[in-house]
Amino acid sequence: MLKMVVFVLLMGLPTFVGAQNPVDGQRSESVVRALIDAGNRSDLEAWLSLFHPDAKHFVKSKSDDSLADRPSSRVVDSTSRRAFYQEIFARPQKTRGEIVELVSLGELVMSRGIFHRPEGRSHTLTVYRVRDGKIVDIWDVEQVAE
């Protein structure tokens, strides 16, 4: 079911991004890679520098039929983003992100990855909208623990 939803999501991407140069997708991917690298180093300033000040963060509700359908209640602006990630990066036991695959089209990047946490691994599917080198939207579509 999730594969079907991802396929439908990707098929609909051209209507959102218009006729942008495919090279822009590579630039957008480089921003997502830089984000994961900054997170793996627990480099808060580098991490935050990759977000537009008005960036929106969306998370999945409890419904299995939803895809990152509601705004985050914890990360609502740049101040709450800093506080949230400062707390995460200060933890003694670190989480490491691994990009398994990136698919991009213009300013949209879909990332399939693995978070290696002290309590175990989880597989993730996240979509980012990158504009002018900054993340403006992030959708945490799915996260499944092993």
N, C-alpha and C. Protein backbone atom coordinates (compact mmCIF):
# COMPACT_ATOMS: atom_id res chain seq x y z
N MET A 1 0.83 -1.20 0.00
CA MET A 1 0.00 0.00 0.00
C MET A 1 0.87 1.26 0.00
N LEU A 2 1.92 1.25 0.85
CA LEU A 2 2.78 2.42 0.91
C LEU A 2 3.47 2.66 -0.42
N LYS A 3 3.90 1.59 -1.11
CA LYS A 3 4.54 1.74 -2.41
C LYS A 3 3.60 2.39 -3.41
N MET A 4 2.33 2.02 -3.35
CA MET A 4 1.34 2.61 -4.25
C MET A 4 1.18 4.09 -3.95
N VAL A 5 1.14 4.46 -2.68
CA VAL A 5 0.97 5.86 -2.30
C VAL A 5 2.18 6.67 -2.75
N VAL A 6 3.39 6.12 -2.55
CA VAL A 6 4.60 6.82 -2.98
C VAL A 6 4.58 6.99 -4.50
N PHE A 7 4.19 5.98 -5.24
CA PHE A 7 4.11 6.07 -6.69
C PHE A 7 3.15 7.18 -7.09
N VAL A 8 1.99 7.22 -6.48
CA VAL A 8 1.00 8.26 -6.79
C VAL A 8 1.55 9.63 -6.43
N LEU A 9 2.23 9.73 -5.29
CA LEU A 9 2.82 10.99 -4.87
C LEU A 9 3.85 11.46 -5.91
N LEU A 10 4.72 10.56 -6.34
CA LEU A 10 5.73 10.93 -7.32
C LEU A 10 5.11 11.29 -8.66
N MET A 11 4.08 10.59 -9.06
CA MET A 11 3.42 10.90 -10.33
C MET A 11 2.80 12.29 -10.30
N GLY A 12 2.39 12.73 -9.13
CA GLY A 12 1.77 14.04 -9.01
C GLY A 12 2.75 15.19 -8.85
N LEU A 13 4.04 14.88 -8.64
CA LEU A 13 5.01 15.94 -8.40
C LEU A 13 5.10 16.97 -9.51
N PRO A 14 5.05 16.59 -10.79
CA PRO A 14 5.20 17.63 -11.82
C PRO A 14 4.17 18.74 -11.73
N THR A 15 2.99 18.46 -11.22
CA THR A 15 1.98 19.50 -11.11
C THR A 15 2.34 20.50 -10.03
N PHE A 16 3.18 20.09 -9.06
CA PHE A 16 3.56 21.00 -7.98
C PHE A 16 4.77 21.83 -8.33
N VAL A 17 5.72 21.27 -9.08
CA VAL A 17 6.98 21.96 -9.30
C VAL A 17 7.07 22.67 -10.64
N GLY A 18 6.18 22.42 -11.53
CA GLY A 18 6.22 23.09 -12.82
C GLY A 18 7.36 22.58 -13.68
N ALA A 19 7.73 23.37 -14.65
CA ALA A 19 8.75 22.94 -15.62
C ALA A 19 10.12 23.46 -15.21
N GLN A 20 10.63 22.99 -14.08
CA GLN A 20 11.94 23.41 -13.63
C GLN A 20 13.02 22.56 -14.27
N ASN A 21 14.21 23.09 -14.29
CA ASN A 21 15.37 22.38 -14.79
C ASN A 21 15.66 21.18 -13.88
N PRO A 22 15.84 19.97 -14.45
CA PRO A 22 16.13 18.79 -13.63
C PRO A 22 17.37 18.95 -12.76
N VAL A 23 18.29 19.82 -13.17
CA VAL A 23 19.49 20.04 -12.36
C VAL A 23 19.12 20.57 -10.98
N ASP A 24 18.04 21.34 -10.91
CA ASP A 24 17.59 21.85 -9.62
C ASP A 24 17.35 20.73 -8.63
N GLY A 25 16.90 19.57 -9.11
CA GLY A 25 16.70 18.42 -8.24
C GLY A 25 17.99 17.98 -7.60
N GLN A 26 19.08 18.03 -8.35
CA GLN A 26 20.38 17.66 -7.79
C GLN A 26 20.81 18.66 -6.73
N ARG A 27 20.54 19.93 -6.97
CA ARG A 27 20.85 20.94 -5.94
C ARG A 27 20.00 20.71 -4.69
N SER A 28 18.75 20.39 -4.89
CA SER A 28 17.86 20.13 -3.75
C SER A 28 18.35 18.91 -2.97
N GLU A 29 18.77 17.87 -3.68
CA GLU A 29 19.31 16.68 -3.01
C GLU A 29 20.54 17.02 -2.19
N SER A 30 21.38 17.92 -2.69
CA SER A 30 22.60 18.27 -1.94
C SER A 30 22.25 18.94 -0.62
N VAL A 31 21.15 19.68 -0.56
CA VAL A 31 20.71 20.30 0.68
C VAL A 31 20.28 19.22 1.68
N VAL A 32 19.54 18.23 1.21
CA VAL A 32 19.09 17.14 2.08
C VAL A 32 20.30 16.35 2.59
N ARG A 33 21.27 16.08 1.72
CA ARG A 33 22.49 15.38 2.16
C ARG A 33 23.23 16.19 3.21
N ALA A 34 23.32 17.49 3.01
CA ALA A 34 23.99 18.36 3.98
C ALA A 34 23.25 18.35 5.32
N LEU A 35 21.92 18.29 5.28
CA LEU A 35 21.13 18.23 6.50
C LEU A 35 21.45 16.97 7.29
N ILE A 36 21.46 15.82 6.62
CA ILE A 36 21.75 14.56 7.30
C ILE A 36 23.18 14.58 7.85
N ASP A 37 24.12 15.11 7.07
CA ASP A 37 25.51 15.20 7.54
C ASP A 37 25.61 16.07 8.79
N ALA A 38 24.94 17.21 8.79
CA ALA A 38 24.96 18.10 9.96
C ALA A 38 24.35 17.40 11.17
N GLY A 39 23.26 16.68 10.95
CA GLY A 39 22.63 15.95 12.05
C GLY A 39 23.55 14.87 12.61
N ASN A 40 24.25 14.17 11.75
CA ASN A 40 25.16 13.12 12.20
C ASN A 40 26.33 13.68 13.00
N ARG A 41 26.68 14.94 12.75
CA ARG A 41 27.75 15.60 13.52
C ARG A 41 27.19 16.33 14.75
N SER A 42 25.86 16.33 14.91
CA SER A 42 25.18 17.10 15.96
C SER A 42 25.57 18.58 15.87
N ASP A 43 25.68 19.07 14.64
CA ASP A 43 26.06 20.46 14.39
C ASP A 43 24.78 21.29 14.24
N LEU A 44 24.33 21.82 15.36
CA LEU A 44 23.05 22.53 15.40
C LEU A 44 23.02 23.72 14.44
N GLU A 45 24.08 24.52 14.42
CA GLU A 45 24.07 25.72 13.59
C GLU A 45 24.04 25.36 12.10
N ALA A 46 24.82 24.36 11.70
CA ALA A 46 24.78 23.93 10.30
C ALA A 46 23.41 23.38 9.95
N TRP A 47 22.81 22.61 10.86
CA TRP A 47 21.47 22.03 10.67
C TRP A 47 20.45 23.15 10.45
N LEU A 48 20.42 24.11 11.37
CA LEU A 48 19.43 25.18 11.31
C LEU A 48 19.63 26.08 10.09
N SER A 49 20.88 26.23 9.65
CA SER A 49 21.15 27.11 8.51
C SER A 49 20.54 26.59 7.22
N LEU A 50 20.14 25.33 7.18
CA LEU A 50 19.57 24.74 5.98
C LEU A 50 18.05 24.93 5.87
N PHE A 51 17.45 25.52 6.91
CA PHE A 51 16.00 25.77 6.92
C PHE A 51 15.71 27.24 6.65
N HIS A 52 14.70 27.48 5.84
CA HIS A 52 14.16 28.83 5.69
C HIS A 52 13.54 29.22 7.03
N PRO A 53 13.62 30.48 7.45
CA PRO A 53 13.05 30.87 8.75
C PRO A 53 11.57 30.52 8.90
N ASP A 54 10.82 30.51 7.79
CA ASP A 54 9.39 30.21 7.85
C ASP A 54 9.07 28.77 7.46
N ALA A 55 10.06 27.89 7.49
CA ALA A 55 9.86 26.49 7.08
C ALA A 55 8.76 25.84 7.90
N LYS A 56 7.98 25.01 7.23
CA LYS A 56 6.88 24.27 7.86
C LYS A 56 7.26 22.80 7.98
N HIS A 57 6.83 22.19 9.07
CA HIS A 57 7.11 20.78 9.34
C HIS A 57 5.77 20.07 9.52
N PHE A 58 5.56 19.00 8.75
CA PHE A 58 4.31 18.26 8.81
C PHE A 58 4.57 16.84 9.26
N VAL A 59 3.66 16.32 10.06
CA VAL A 59 3.79 14.96 10.60
C VAL A 59 2.53 14.17 10.32
N LYS A 60 2.65 12.88 10.45
CA LYS A 60 1.52 11.98 10.20
C LYS A 60 0.60 11.95 11.42
N SER A 61 -0.69 11.98 11.16
CA SER A 61 -1.64 11.79 12.26
C SER A 61 -1.76 10.30 12.55
N LYS A 62 -2.61 9.93 13.44
CA LYS A 62 -2.75 8.53 13.85
C LYS A 62 -3.37 7.64 12.78
N SER A 63 -4.02 8.21 11.81
CA SER A 63 -4.72 7.44 10.78
C SER A 63 -3.74 6.78 9.82
N ASP A 64 -3.96 5.51 9.52
CA ASP A 64 -3.13 4.81 8.54
C ASP A 64 -3.38 5.33 7.12
N ASP A 65 -4.45 6.07 6.94
CA ASP A 65 -4.81 6.58 5.62
C ASP A 65 -4.28 7.99 5.36
N SER A 66 -3.38 8.46 6.22
CA SER A 66 -2.89 9.83 6.06
C SER A 66 -1.40 9.85 5.75
N LEU A 67 -0.98 10.92 5.10
CA LEU A 67 0.42 11.13 4.77
C LEU A 67 0.85 12.51 5.25
N ALA A 68 1.51 12.56 6.39
CA ALA A 68 2.02 13.84 6.90
C ALA A 68 0.99 14.94 6.72
N ASP A 69 -0.18 14.71 7.27
CA ASP A 69 -1.34 15.55 6.99
C ASP A 69 -1.57 16.68 7.98
N ARG A 70 -0.72 16.82 8.99
CA ARG A 70 -0.96 17.89 9.95
C ARG A 70 0.34 18.59 10.33
N PRO A 71 0.28 19.85 10.65
CA PRO A 71 1.49 20.57 11.08
C PRO A 71 2.00 20.01 12.40
N SER A 72 3.30 20.03 12.56
CA SER A 72 3.91 19.60 13.82
C SER A 72 3.45 20.52 14.93
N SER A 73 3.22 19.96 16.10
CA SER A 73 2.85 20.79 17.25
C SER A 73 4.09 21.23 18.01
N ARG A 74 5.24 20.60 17.76
CA ARG A 74 6.48 20.94 18.46
C ARG A 74 7.38 21.87 17.67
N VAL A 75 7.38 21.76 16.36
CA VAL A 75 8.23 22.62 15.52
C VAL A 75 7.29 23.49 14.68
N VAL A 76 7.11 24.73 15.16
CA VAL A 76 6.15 25.62 14.50
C VAL A 76 6.80 26.87 13.91
N ASP A 77 8.04 27.16 14.32
CA ASP A 77 8.76 28.33 13.82
C ASP A 77 10.25 28.12 14.08
N SER A 78 11.06 29.12 13.74
CA SER A 78 12.51 28.95 13.89
C SER A 78 12.94 28.83 15.36
N THR A 79 12.24 29.48 16.27
CA THR A 79 12.57 29.39 17.69
C THR A 79 12.30 27.98 18.23
N SER A 80 11.14 27.44 17.91
CA SER A 80 10.82 26.09 18.38
C SER A 80 11.68 25.04 17.66
N ARG A 81 12.06 25.30 16.41
CA ARG A 81 12.95 24.38 15.69
C ARG A 81 14.30 24.31 16.40
N ARG A 82 14.84 25.47 16.76
CA ARG A 82 16.12 25.50 17.49
C ARG A 82 16.00 24.74 18.81
N ALA A 83 14.98 25.01 19.59
CA ALA A 83 14.83 24.36 20.89
C ALA A 83 14.68 22.84 20.74
N PHE A 84 13.89 22.41 19.78
CA PHE A 84 13.64 20.98 19.56
C PHE A 84 14.93 20.25 19.20
N TYR A 85 15.66 20.77 18.22
CA TYR A 85 16.88 20.08 17.78
C TYR A 85 18.05 20.28 18.74
N GLN A 86 18.07 21.38 19.47
CA GLN A 86 19.10 21.56 20.49
C GLN A 86 18.98 20.46 21.54
N GLU A 87 17.76 20.15 21.92
CA GLU A 87 17.51 19.07 22.88
C GLU A 87 17.95 17.72 22.31
N ILE A 88 17.62 17.46 21.06
CA ILE A 88 18.00 16.18 20.43
C ILE A 88 19.52 16.06 20.30
N PHE A 89 20.18 17.11 19.83
CA PHE A 89 21.62 17.05 19.60
C PHE A 89 22.40 17.00 20.92
N ALA A 90 21.80 17.44 22.02
CA ALA A 90 22.47 17.42 23.32
C ALA A 90 22.42 16.04 24.00
N ARG A 91 21.62 15.15 23.50
CA ARG A 91 21.51 13.82 24.12
C ARG A 91 22.86 13.10 24.05
N PRO A 92 23.20 12.38 25.13
CA PRO A 92 24.49 11.67 25.12
C PRO A 92 24.53 10.53 24.11
N GLN A 93 23.43 9.85 23.92
CA GLN A 93 23.38 8.76 22.94
C GLN A 93 22.81 9.34 21.65
N LYS A 94 23.61 9.27 20.62
CA LYS A 94 23.27 9.93 19.36
C LYS A 94 22.49 9.03 18.41
N THR A 95 21.69 9.67 17.59
CA THR A 95 21.01 9.02 16.48
C THR A 95 21.81 9.34 15.22
N ARG A 96 21.99 8.34 14.37
CA ARG A 96 22.70 8.57 13.11
C ARG A 96 21.74 8.32 11.96
N GLY A 97 21.68 9.25 11.04
CA GLY A 97 20.83 9.11 9.86
C GLY A 97 21.62 8.54 8.69
N GLU A 98 20.96 7.70 7.93
CA GLU A 98 21.58 7.10 6.74
C GLU A 98 20.60 7.27 5.58
N ILE A 99 21.07 7.87 4.51
CA ILE A 99 20.25 8.00 3.31
C ILE A 99 20.41 6.72 2.50
N VAL A 100 19.29 6.05 2.25
CA VAL A 100 19.30 4.85 1.42
C VAL A 100 19.09 5.25 -0.03
N GLU A 101 18.18 6.20 -0.24
CA GLU A 101 17.85 6.60 -1.61
C GLU A 101 17.22 7.99 -1.60
N LEU A 102 17.58 8.77 -2.60
CA LEU A 102 16.94 10.07 -2.83
C LEU A 102 16.34 10.08 -4.22
N VAL A 103 15.14 10.61 -4.33
CA VAL A 103 14.49 10.83 -5.61
C VAL A 103 14.05 12.28 -5.62
N SER A 104 14.40 13.00 -6.69
CA SER A 104 14.06 14.42 -6.70
C SER A 104 13.46 14.83 -8.04
N LEU A 105 12.70 15.87 -7.96
CA LEU A 105 12.14 16.51 -9.14
C LEU A 105 12.02 17.99 -8.80
N GLY A 106 12.87 18.80 -9.39
CA GLY A 106 12.86 20.22 -9.09
C GLY A 106 13.15 20.47 -7.63
N GLU A 107 12.24 21.14 -6.97
CA GLU A 107 12.48 21.52 -5.58
C GLU A 107 12.02 20.45 -4.58
N LEU A 108 11.45 19.35 -5.03
CA LEU A 108 10.99 18.30 -4.14
C LEU A 108 11.97 17.13 -4.11
N VAL A 109 12.26 16.67 -2.90
CA VAL A 109 13.17 15.54 -2.70
C VAL A 109 12.47 14.55 -1.78
N MET A 110 12.43 13.29 -2.23
CA MET A 110 11.90 12.22 -1.37
C MET A 110 13.09 11.41 -0.89
N SER A 111 13.18 11.23 0.40
CA SER A 111 14.29 10.51 1.01
C SER A 111 13.78 9.25 1.69
N ARG A 112 14.40 8.13 1.34
CA ARG A 112 14.17 6.89 2.08
C ARG A 112 15.44 6.66 2.87
N GLY A 113 15.29 6.49 4.17
CA GLY A 113 16.49 6.39 5.00
C GLY A 113 16.29 5.48 6.19
N ILE A 114 17.34 5.41 6.98
CA ILE A 114 17.33 4.63 8.21
C ILE A 114 17.89 5.51 9.32
N PHE A 115 17.19 5.56 10.43
CA PHE A 115 17.72 6.19 11.64
C PHE A 115 18.25 5.09 12.53
N HIS A 116 19.52 5.20 12.89
CA HIS A 116 20.15 4.25 13.80
C HIS A 116 20.12 4.90 15.18
N ARG A 117 19.25 4.41 16.04
CA ARG A 117 19.07 4.97 17.38
C ARG A 117 19.60 3.98 18.42
N PRO A 118 19.88 4.45 19.62
CA PRO A 118 20.33 3.52 20.66
C PRO A 118 19.32 2.38 20.91
N GLU A 119 18.04 2.66 20.75
CA GLU A 119 17.01 1.65 20.99
C GLU A 119 16.69 0.79 19.78
N GLY A 120 17.34 1.07 18.65
CA GLY A 120 17.12 0.27 17.44
C GLY A 120 17.01 1.14 16.20
N ARG A 121 16.79 0.48 15.08
CA ARG A 121 16.70 1.17 13.79
C ARG A 121 15.25 1.43 13.41
N SER A 122 15.06 2.50 12.65
CA SER A 122 13.75 2.74 12.06
C SER A 122 13.95 3.21 10.62
N HIS A 123 13.06 2.76 9.76
CA HIS A 123 13.08 3.12 8.34
C HIS A 123 12.16 4.31 8.15
N THR A 124 12.59 5.27 7.35
CA THR A 124 11.84 6.51 7.21
C THR A 124 11.57 6.86 5.75
N LEU A 125 10.52 7.59 5.55
CA LEU A 125 10.20 8.18 4.25
C LEU A 125 9.85 9.64 4.53
N THR A 126 10.63 10.54 3.96
CA THR A 126 10.47 11.97 4.21
C THR A 126 10.51 12.71 2.88
N VAL A 127 9.68 13.73 2.75
CA VAL A 127 9.68 14.58 1.56
C VAL A 127 10.05 15.99 2.00
N TYR A 128 10.96 16.58 1.24
CA TYR A 128 11.44 17.94 1.51
C TYR A 128 11.12 18.81 0.30
N ARG A 129 10.77 20.08 0.56
CA ARG A 129 10.69 21.08 -0.50
C ARG A 129 11.85 22.05 -0.24
N VAL A 130 12.72 22.18 -1.24
CA VAL A 130 13.91 23.01 -1.11
C VAL A 130 13.82 24.14 -2.14
N ARG A 131 13.96 25.37 -1.64
CA ARG A 131 13.92 26.55 -2.51
C ARG A 131 15.12 27.43 -2.18
N ASP A 132 15.84 27.82 -3.20
CA ASP A 132 17.00 28.72 -3.02
C ASP A 132 17.96 28.20 -1.95
N GLY A 133 18.16 26.88 -1.94
CA GLY A 133 19.12 26.28 -1.03
C GLY A 133 18.65 26.11 0.40
N LYS A 134 17.37 26.34 0.66
CA LYS A 134 16.81 26.22 2.02
C LYS A 134 15.60 25.30 2.01
N ILE A 135 15.44 24.55 3.07
CA ILE A 135 14.27 23.70 3.22
C ILE A 135 13.10 24.58 3.65
N VAL A 136 12.02 24.55 2.86
CA VAL A 136 10.85 25.37 3.18
C VAL A 136 9.70 24.51 3.71
N ASP A 137 9.68 23.23 3.37
CA ASP A 137 8.68 22.30 3.88
C ASP A 137 9.34 20.95 4.10
N ILE A 138 8.89 20.26 5.13
CA ILE A 138 9.34 18.90 5.38
C ILE A 138 8.13 18.10 5.83
N TRP A 139 7.94 16.96 5.18
CA TRP A 139 6.82 16.06 5.50
C TRP A 139 7.39 14.73 5.98
N ASP A 140 7.19 14.42 7.24
CA ASP A 140 7.58 13.09 7.77
C ASP A 140 6.45 12.14 7.43
N VAL A 141 6.59 11.43 6.31
CA VAL A 141 5.51 10.62 5.78
C VAL A 141 5.33 9.32 6.56
N GLU A 142 6.43 8.64 6.83
CA GLU A 142 6.31 7.33 7.51
C GLU A 142 7.60 7.04 8.25
N GLN A 143 7.48 6.34 9.36
CA GLN A 143 8.61 5.85 10.13
C GLN A 143 8.23 4.52 10.73
N VAL A 144 8.99 3.47 10.41
CA VAL A 144 8.66 2.12 10.85
C VAL A 144 9.87 1.54 11.57
N ALA A 145 9.68 1.15 12.83
CA ALA A 145 10.77 0.55 13.61
C ALA A 145 10.96 -0.90 13.19
N GLU A 146 12.20 -1.34 13.26
CA GLU A 146 12.47 -2.77 12.94
C GLU A 146 12.03 -3.64 14.09
